[in-house]
Amino acid sequence: MIVVMEHKASQELVDAVTVRLKQLGFDTHLSVGVERTIIGAIGEKRPEYIEQLAAMPGVEKIVPILKPFKLAGREFHSEPSQVRVGDVIIGGEEIVVMAGPCAVESEEQLLETAREVKKNGAHILRGGAFKPRTSPYSFQGLEEDGLRILAAARRETGLPVVTEIVNPRDVELVAQYADMLQVGARNMQNFTLLREVGKCQKPVLLKRGLAATVEEWLMAAEYIISSGNDNVVLCERGIRTYETGTRNTLDLSAVPAIKHYSHLPIIVDPSHGTGRWRYVLPMARAAIAAGADGLMIEVHCRPEEALSDGAQSLTPMNFQQLMEETKVLAQAIGRKIGSLTVV
């Protein structure tokens, strides 16, 4: 439930309600707005508790939360959230672009790609050191060596780094190197992993599961937030349907749906969403038009030699074209990408 405090209720009254909620066994989350302060309370809602709280000084009203995703939803947190990754803000006016190869293959390969995406306006460098693959015989990543290479690329380019975490035991290790931890589609409902990244204060990029509903996706975010980490960014990366012409079906309707139900920022990955490099640019444009807060784009200097997902990776030249075209579109909807400032 939500306890809405009266306009200009004093901090002393807010503290008193918070203390009482904890005495009644509720976990509390405070949200201070311009007009009102509200206290989110998670626990057993007995009628007598509601009556007792409503009688306290400074309380305007008690509002039940109807959605199961209490912390990820807008009922408790009505204003859109922003998540900081290094010096980059996700969820603000600027549309953030994460770009880089699917997998870290070598220092030379990653640094070359990092320089290219930086030159063309990317904000965050992506690259997988741990690669959960469908086949056990596929390239699984360089693991800690890959993390060291990502850190070297950050030192040279200044780009913050996002990389995937696949094992709860590796959270501390990956957090030493990465600026943002990615939970991939296959691990969206790995609840042990979600709780562990929730205990870590690094921002988390949560990809949608292969066949997850929007509610299931938001409940996965709820695991992270309820464990203490509210720095969560959602990523739509396509869902599995009957269609075989593309790798997945990119569900762009998820963008406005998330904006309606949740305060969390959402980005779109048209690379995994389509699986074909030719489709990445048009779907990136569509994602921005739908209201996405960012893009995740796979870029490789030589896709024909890539050890993972070469068919969906853009060359640096194609990435440059994507950035140029999306800047114009961003301006048309009152936002910006990179150095283009909206007038």
Protein backbone atom coordinates (compact mmCIF):
# COMPACT_ATOMS: atom_id res chain seq x y z
CA MET A 1 0.00 0.00 0.00
CA ILE A 2 0.93 3.67 -0.27
CA VAL A 3 0.73 6.15 2.59
CA VAL A 4 0.22 9.63 1.11
CA MET A 5 1.34 12.36 3.46
CA GLU A 6 -0.38 15.74 3.64
CA HIS A 7 0.96 18.67 1.68
CA LYS A 8 4.05 20.04 3.45
CA ALA A 9 3.92 17.39 6.17
CA SER A 10 6.99 17.81 8.36
CA GLN A 11 9.92 15.40 8.33
CA GLU A 12 9.10 14.55 11.92
CA LEU A 13 5.60 13.35 10.90
CA VAL A 14 7.02 11.38 7.96
CA ASP A 15 9.56 9.70 10.27
CA ALA A 16 6.84 8.82 12.77
CA VAL A 17 4.75 7.07 10.10
CA THR A 18 7.82 5.24 8.81
CA VAL A 19 8.67 3.99 12.29
CA ARG A 20 5.09 2.82 12.85
CA LEU A 21 5.06 0.96 9.53
CA LYS A 22 8.22 -0.89 10.50
CA GLN A 23 6.72 -1.75 13.88
CA LEU A 24 3.78 -3.31 12.02
CA GLY A 25 6.16 -5.45 9.95
CA PHE A 26 6.22 -3.44 6.71
CA ASP A 27 9.23 -2.77 4.51
CA THR A 28 9.19 0.92 3.58
CA HIS A 29 10.35 2.93 0.58
CA LEU A 30 10.24 6.72 0.66
CA SER A 31 9.48 8.90 -2.37
CA VAL A 32 9.73 12.66 -1.91
CA GLY A 33 7.96 14.74 -4.57
CA VAL A 34 7.46 18.45 -5.12
CA GLU A 35 3.90 18.42 -3.78
CA ARG A 36 3.68 15.25 -1.69
CA THR A 37 5.77 12.72 0.17
CA ILE A 38 4.58 9.15 -0.17
CA ILE A 39 5.70 6.07 1.72
CA GLY A 40 5.48 2.72 0.00
CA ALA A 41 4.71 -0.10 2.43
CA ILE A 42 5.15 -3.76 1.56
CA GLY A 43 3.67 -6.32 3.93
CA GLU A 44 0.41 -7.77 5.20
CA LYS A 45 -2.41 -5.18 4.84
CA ARG A 46 -4.76 -5.87 7.76
CA PRO A 47 -7.82 -3.57 8.03
CA GLU A 48 -6.87 -2.50 11.55
CA TYR A 49 -3.39 -1.48 10.35
CA ILE A 50 -4.89 0.77 7.69
CA GLU A 51 -7.20 2.39 10.22
CA GLN A 52 -4.35 2.99 12.67
CA LEU A 53 -2.13 4.55 10.02
CA ALA A 54 -4.93 6.71 8.63
CA ALA A 55 -5.41 8.16 12.12
CA MET A 56 -1.80 9.32 12.42
CA PRO A 57 -0.99 13.05 12.17
CA GLY A 58 0.16 14.14 8.72
CA VAL A 59 -1.41 11.22 6.82
CA GLU A 60 -3.72 12.31 4.02
CA LYS A 61 -4.84 8.90 2.74
CA ILE A 62 -3.96 5.23 2.32
CA VAL A 63 -3.96 3.86 -1.23
CA PRO A 64 -3.78 0.11 -2.00
CA ILE A 65 -1.31 -1.03 -4.66
CA LEU A 66 -3.11 -3.26 -7.12
CA LYS A 67 -0.22 -4.40 -9.32
CA PRO A 68 2.05 -7.23 -8.10
CA PHE A 69 5.17 -5.23 -9.10
CA LYS A 70 4.96 -2.72 -6.27
CA LEU A 71 8.46 -1.20 -6.47
CA ALA A 72 8.86 -1.35 -10.24
CA GLY A 73 5.39 0.08 -10.86
CA ARG A 74 4.11 3.63 -11.13
CA GLU A 75 1.57 3.37 -8.31
CA PHE A 76 4.31 3.98 -5.76
CA HIS A 77 6.80 5.83 -7.97
CA SER A 78 4.84 8.00 -10.40
CA GLU A 79 7.75 9.96 -11.90
CA PRO A 80 10.10 8.33 -14.46
CA SER A 81 13.38 7.16 -12.96
CA GLN A 82 16.83 7.95 -14.24
CA VAL A 83 19.79 5.61 -13.87
CA ARG A 84 23.39 6.83 -13.88
CA VAL A 85 26.12 4.68 -15.46
CA GLY A 86 29.40 6.50 -14.94
CA ASP A 87 28.66 9.99 -16.26
CA VAL A 88 25.84 8.75 -18.51
CA ILE A 89 22.18 9.23 -17.54
CA ILE A 90 19.62 6.74 -18.87
CA GLY A 91 16.02 7.92 -18.82
CA GLY A 92 16.64 11.60 -19.41
CA GLU A 93 16.30 13.77 -22.50
CA GLU A 94 19.22 12.13 -24.28
CA ILE A 95 18.77 8.72 -25.91
CA VAL A 96 21.67 6.56 -24.78
CA VAL A 97 23.44 4.21 -27.21
CA MET A 98 25.30 1.13 -25.96
CA ALA A 99 27.46 -0.37 -28.70
CA GLY A 100 30.19 -2.94 -29.17
CA PRO A 101 30.73 -6.58 -30.09
CA CYS A 102 28.64 -9.44 -28.82
CA ALA A 103 31.74 -11.05 -27.32
CA VAL A 104 35.20 -9.91 -26.30
CA GLU A 105 37.43 -12.01 -28.56
CA SER A 106 40.82 -10.32 -28.14
CA GLU A 107 42.28 -7.04 -26.94
CA GLU A 108 42.93 -5.93 -30.50
CA GLN A 109 39.38 -6.70 -31.61
CA LEU A 110 37.72 -4.93 -28.68
CA LEU A 111 39.92 -1.83 -28.68
CA GLU A 112 39.48 -1.37 -32.43
CA THR A 113 35.69 -1.60 -32.10
CA ALA A 114 35.62 0.58 -28.98
CA ARG A 115 37.48 3.36 -30.78
CA GLU A 116 35.03 3.22 -33.67
CA VAL A 117 31.85 3.32 -31.58
CA LYS A 118 33.29 6.10 -29.43
CA LYS A 119 34.15 8.13 -32.55
CA ASN A 120 30.59 7.78 -33.83
CA GLY A 121 28.87 8.87 -30.63
CA ALA A 122 28.21 5.77 -28.52
CA HIS A 123 27.80 6.47 -24.81
CA ILE A 124 28.49 3.02 -23.31
CA LEU A 125 30.66 0.12 -24.51
CA ARG A 126 29.05 -3.31 -24.53
CA GLY A 127 30.90 -6.61 -24.79
CA GLY A 128 30.45 -10.09 -23.36
CA ALA A 129 33.19 -11.69 -21.26
CA PHE A 130 30.90 -14.53 -20.13
CA LYS A 131 28.69 -15.86 -22.93
CA PRO A 132 25.78 -18.19 -22.13
CA ARG A 133 25.26 -20.03 -25.42
CA THR A 134 22.60 -22.44 -26.62
CA SER A 135 25.27 -24.93 -27.68
CA PRO A 136 27.93 -26.06 -25.20
CA TYR A 137 30.37 -26.19 -28.13
CA SER A 138 30.01 -22.49 -29.02
CA PHE A 139 32.47 -19.83 -27.89
CA GLN A 140 31.77 -19.16 -24.21
CA GLY A 141 33.81 -15.98 -23.72
CA LEU A 142 37.21 -15.10 -22.27
CA GLU A 143 35.81 -14.69 -18.74
CA GLU A 144 38.10 -12.67 -16.44
CA ASP A 145 40.59 -12.03 -19.24
CA GLY A 146 37.69 -10.52 -21.17
CA LEU A 147 36.81 -8.33 -18.19
CA ARG A 148 40.38 -7.03 -18.07
CA ILE A 149 40.22 -6.17 -21.76
CA LEU A 150 36.95 -4.29 -21.22
CA ALA A 151 38.57 -2.31 -18.41
CA ALA A 152 41.49 -1.47 -20.71
CA ALA A 153 39.05 -0.21 -23.35
CA ARG A 154 37.35 1.97 -20.76
CA ARG A 155 40.69 3.48 -19.74
CA GLU A 156 41.51 4.34 -23.35
CA THR A 157 38.12 5.58 -24.56
CA GLY A 158 36.47 6.81 -21.36
CA LEU A 159 33.33 4.81 -22.19
CA PRO A 160 31.58 3.09 -19.27
CA VAL A 161 31.28 -0.68 -19.71
CA VAL A 162 28.24 -2.98 -19.58
CA THR A 163 28.78 -6.74 -19.61
CA GLU A 164 26.73 -9.82 -18.80
CA ILE A 165 26.75 -11.65 -15.50
CA VAL A 166 25.65 -15.30 -15.65
CA ASN A 167 26.63 -16.79 -12.30
CA PRO A 168 25.61 -15.46 -8.88
CA ARG A 169 29.09 -16.34 -7.58
CA ASP A 170 30.67 -13.97 -10.12
CA VAL A 171 28.78 -10.80 -9.17
CA GLU A 172 31.63 -9.41 -7.05
CA LEU A 173 34.21 -10.24 -9.73
CA VAL A 174 32.27 -8.66 -12.61
CA ALA A 175 31.40 -5.61 -10.51
CA GLN A 176 35.13 -4.94 -10.03
CA TYR A 177 35.48 -4.34 -13.78
CA ALA A 178 32.07 -3.30 -15.14
CA ASP A 179 30.09 -0.10 -14.68
CA MET A 180 26.79 -1.87 -15.37
CA LEU A 181 25.80 -5.52 -14.95
CA GLN A 182 23.64 -7.13 -17.63
CA VAL A 183 21.22 -9.94 -16.82
CA GLY A 184 20.56 -11.69 -20.11
CA ALA A 185 17.33 -13.09 -21.50
CA ARG A 186 18.16 -16.65 -20.46
CA ASN A 187 18.69 -15.52 -16.86
CA MET A 188 15.74 -13.15 -16.50
CA GLN A 189 14.09 -15.57 -14.08
CA ASN A 190 17.26 -16.80 -12.42
CA PHE A 191 15.99 -15.54 -9.08
CA THR A 192 19.18 -16.30 -7.19
CA LEU A 193 21.13 -14.16 -9.66
CA LEU A 194 18.53 -11.38 -9.47
CA ARG A 195 18.81 -11.23 -5.69
CA GLU A 196 22.61 -11.12 -5.87
CA VAL A 197 22.75 -8.24 -8.34
CA GLY A 198 20.13 -6.58 -6.14
CA LYS A 199 22.61 -6.62 -3.27
CA CYS A 200 25.22 -4.96 -5.49
CA GLN A 201 24.84 -1.23 -6.05
CA LYS A 202 26.05 -1.29 -9.66
CA PRO A 203 23.32 -0.41 -12.21
CA VAL A 204 21.61 -3.44 -13.75
CA LEU A 205 20.46 -3.91 -17.34
CA LEU A 206 17.65 -6.48 -17.28
CA LYS A 207 16.83 -8.07 -20.62
CA ARG A 208 13.40 -9.49 -21.32
CA GLY A 209 13.16 -13.30 -21.30
CA LEU A 210 12.69 -15.31 -24.48
CA ALA A 211 8.96 -15.75 -23.88
CA ALA A 212 8.31 -13.51 -20.88
CA THR A 213 5.23 -11.37 -20.48
CA VAL A 214 5.62 -7.73 -19.50
CA GLU A 215 4.36 -8.59 -16.01
CA GLU A 216 6.89 -11.41 -15.59
CA TRP A 217 9.63 -9.05 -16.76
CA LEU A 218 8.62 -6.40 -14.23
CA MET A 219 8.41 -9.00 -11.49
CA ALA A 220 12.02 -9.94 -12.30
CA ALA A 221 12.91 -6.25 -11.83
CA GLU A 222 10.98 -6.38 -8.55
CA TYR A 223 13.40 -9.07 -7.29
CA ILE A 224 16.35 -6.74 -7.92
CA ILE A 225 14.74 -3.63 -6.44
CA SER A 226 13.36 -5.42 -3.37
CA SER A 227 16.89 -6.68 -2.68
CA GLY A 228 18.12 -3.09 -2.34
CA ASN A 229 19.15 -1.95 -5.83
CA ASP A 230 16.74 0.38 -7.63
CA ASN A 231 19.18 1.24 -10.45
CA VAL A 232 17.47 -0.97 -13.02
CA VAL A 233 17.15 -0.41 -16.77
CA LEU A 234 14.93 -2.72 -18.84
CA CYS A 235 15.91 -3.96 -22.31
CA GLU A 236 13.45 -5.24 -24.91
CA ARG A 237 15.40 -7.69 -27.12
CA GLY A 238 12.67 -9.60 -28.91
CA ILE A 239 10.55 -12.57 -27.90
CA ARG A 240 10.18 -16.01 -29.43
CA THR A 241 7.16 -16.47 -31.72
CA TYR A 242 6.28 -18.66 -34.69
CA GLU A 243 8.13 -16.30 -37.07
CA THR A 244 11.31 -17.73 -38.61
CA GLY A 245 12.26 -14.86 -40.91
CA THR A 246 13.92 -13.05 -38.02
CA ARG A 247 15.82 -14.34 -35.02
CA ASN A 248 13.15 -13.05 -32.63
CA THR A 249 10.07 -10.88 -32.86
CA LEU A 250 10.95 -7.39 -31.64
CA ASP A 251 8.00 -6.33 -29.49
CA LEU A 252 8.09 -2.54 -29.71
CA SER A 253 4.66 -2.33 -28.07
CA ALA A 254 6.54 -3.26 -24.89
CA VAL A 255 8.08 0.23 -24.84
CA PRO A 256 4.84 2.19 -24.30
CA ALA A 257 3.52 -0.63 -22.12
CA ILE A 258 6.52 -0.35 -19.79
CA LYS A 259 6.21 3.45 -19.81
CA HIS A 260 2.59 3.05 -18.70
CA TYR A 261 3.12 0.45 -15.98
CA SER A 262 6.61 1.27 -14.72
CA HIS A 263 8.89 4.19 -13.87
CA LEU A 264 12.00 2.30 -14.99
CA PRO A 265 13.91 3.38 -18.13
CA ILE A 266 13.68 1.04 -21.12
CA ILE A 267 16.06 0.55 -24.03
CA VAL A 268 15.74 -1.62 -27.14
CA ASP A 269 18.18 -4.13 -28.65
CA PRO A 270 17.31 -4.40 -32.36
CA SER A 271 20.38 -6.58 -32.99
CA HIS A 272 19.09 -9.58 -31.02
CA GLY A 273 15.54 -8.53 -31.80
CA THR A 274 16.00 -9.20 -35.52
CA GLY A 275 19.19 -11.24 -35.88
CA ARG A 276 19.91 -9.60 -39.27
CA TRP A 277 22.15 -6.58 -39.62
CA ARG A 278 20.02 -5.19 -42.47
CA TYR A 279 17.05 -4.85 -40.14
CA VAL A 280 18.86 -3.20 -37.25
CA LEU A 281 18.74 0.39 -38.53
CA PRO A 282 15.00 0.49 -39.38
CA MET A 283 14.10 -1.13 -36.07
CA ALA A 284 16.39 1.28 -34.20
CA ARG A 285 14.48 4.15 -35.80
CA ALA A 286 11.19 2.51 -34.82
CA ALA A 287 12.38 2.00 -31.24
CA ILE A 288 13.19 5.70 -30.87
CA ALA A 289 9.83 6.66 -32.35
CA ALA A 290 8.14 4.33 -29.84
CA GLY A 291 9.76 6.21 -26.95
CA ALA A 292 12.78 4.07 -26.01
CA ASP A 293 15.36 5.67 -23.72
CA GLY A 294 18.23 4.02 -25.52
CA LEU A 295 19.54 1.44 -27.96
CA MET A 296 21.88 -1.53 -27.63
CA ILE A 297 23.68 -2.18 -30.92
CA GLU A 298 26.14 -4.93 -31.78
CA VAL A 299 29.13 -3.60 -33.74
CA HIS A 300 32.14 -5.57 -35.01
CA CYS A 301 34.94 -4.33 -37.23
CA ARG A 302 34.87 -7.63 -39.16
CA PRO A 303 31.51 -9.34 -38.65
CA GLU A 304 32.47 -12.12 -41.05
CA GLU A 305 35.13 -13.18 -38.54
CA ALA A 306 33.05 -12.75 -35.37
CA LEU A 307 32.97 -15.67 -32.95
CA SER A 308 29.43 -14.74 -31.89
CA ASP A 309 26.46 -13.13 -33.68
CA GLY A 310 28.28 -11.86 -36.74
CA ALA A 311 25.09 -11.96 -38.82
CA GLN A 312 23.45 -9.26 -36.70
CA SER A 313 26.53 -7.08 -36.12
CA LEU A 314 26.95 -3.72 -37.85
CA THR A 315 30.25 -2.63 -39.33
CA PRO A 316 31.60 0.71 -38.06
CA MET A 317 30.40 2.32 -41.31
CA ASN A 318 26.87 1.00 -40.83
CA PHE A 319 26.94 2.09 -37.20
CA GLN A 320 27.92 5.59 -38.29
CA GLN A 321 24.90 5.65 -40.61
CA LEU A 322 22.65 4.48 -37.78
CA MET A 323 23.87 7.26 -35.49
CA GLU A 324 23.41 9.92 -38.15
CA GLU A 325 19.87 8.85 -39.00
CA THR A 326 18.73 8.37 -35.41
CA LYS A 327 20.01 11.83 -34.44
CA VAL A 328 17.63 13.38 -36.94
CA LEU A 329 14.72 11.26 -35.70
CA ALA A 330 15.51 12.04 -32.07
CA GLN A 331 15.40 15.74 -32.84
CA ALA A 332 12.00 15.33 -34.51
CA ILE A 333 10.49 13.91 -31.30
CA GLY A 334 12.13 16.44 -28.99
CA ARG A 335 15.06 14.36 -27.80
CA LYS A 336 18.73 14.07 -28.74
CA ILE A 337 21.54 11.57 -29.31
CA GLY A 338 25.19 12.46 -28.95
CA SER A 339 26.30 15.93 -29.89
CA LEU A 340 23.08 17.00 -31.64
CA THR A 341 21.30 19.41 -29.31
CA VAL A 342 17.55 19.75 -29.62
CA VAL A 343 16.48 23.33 -30.42
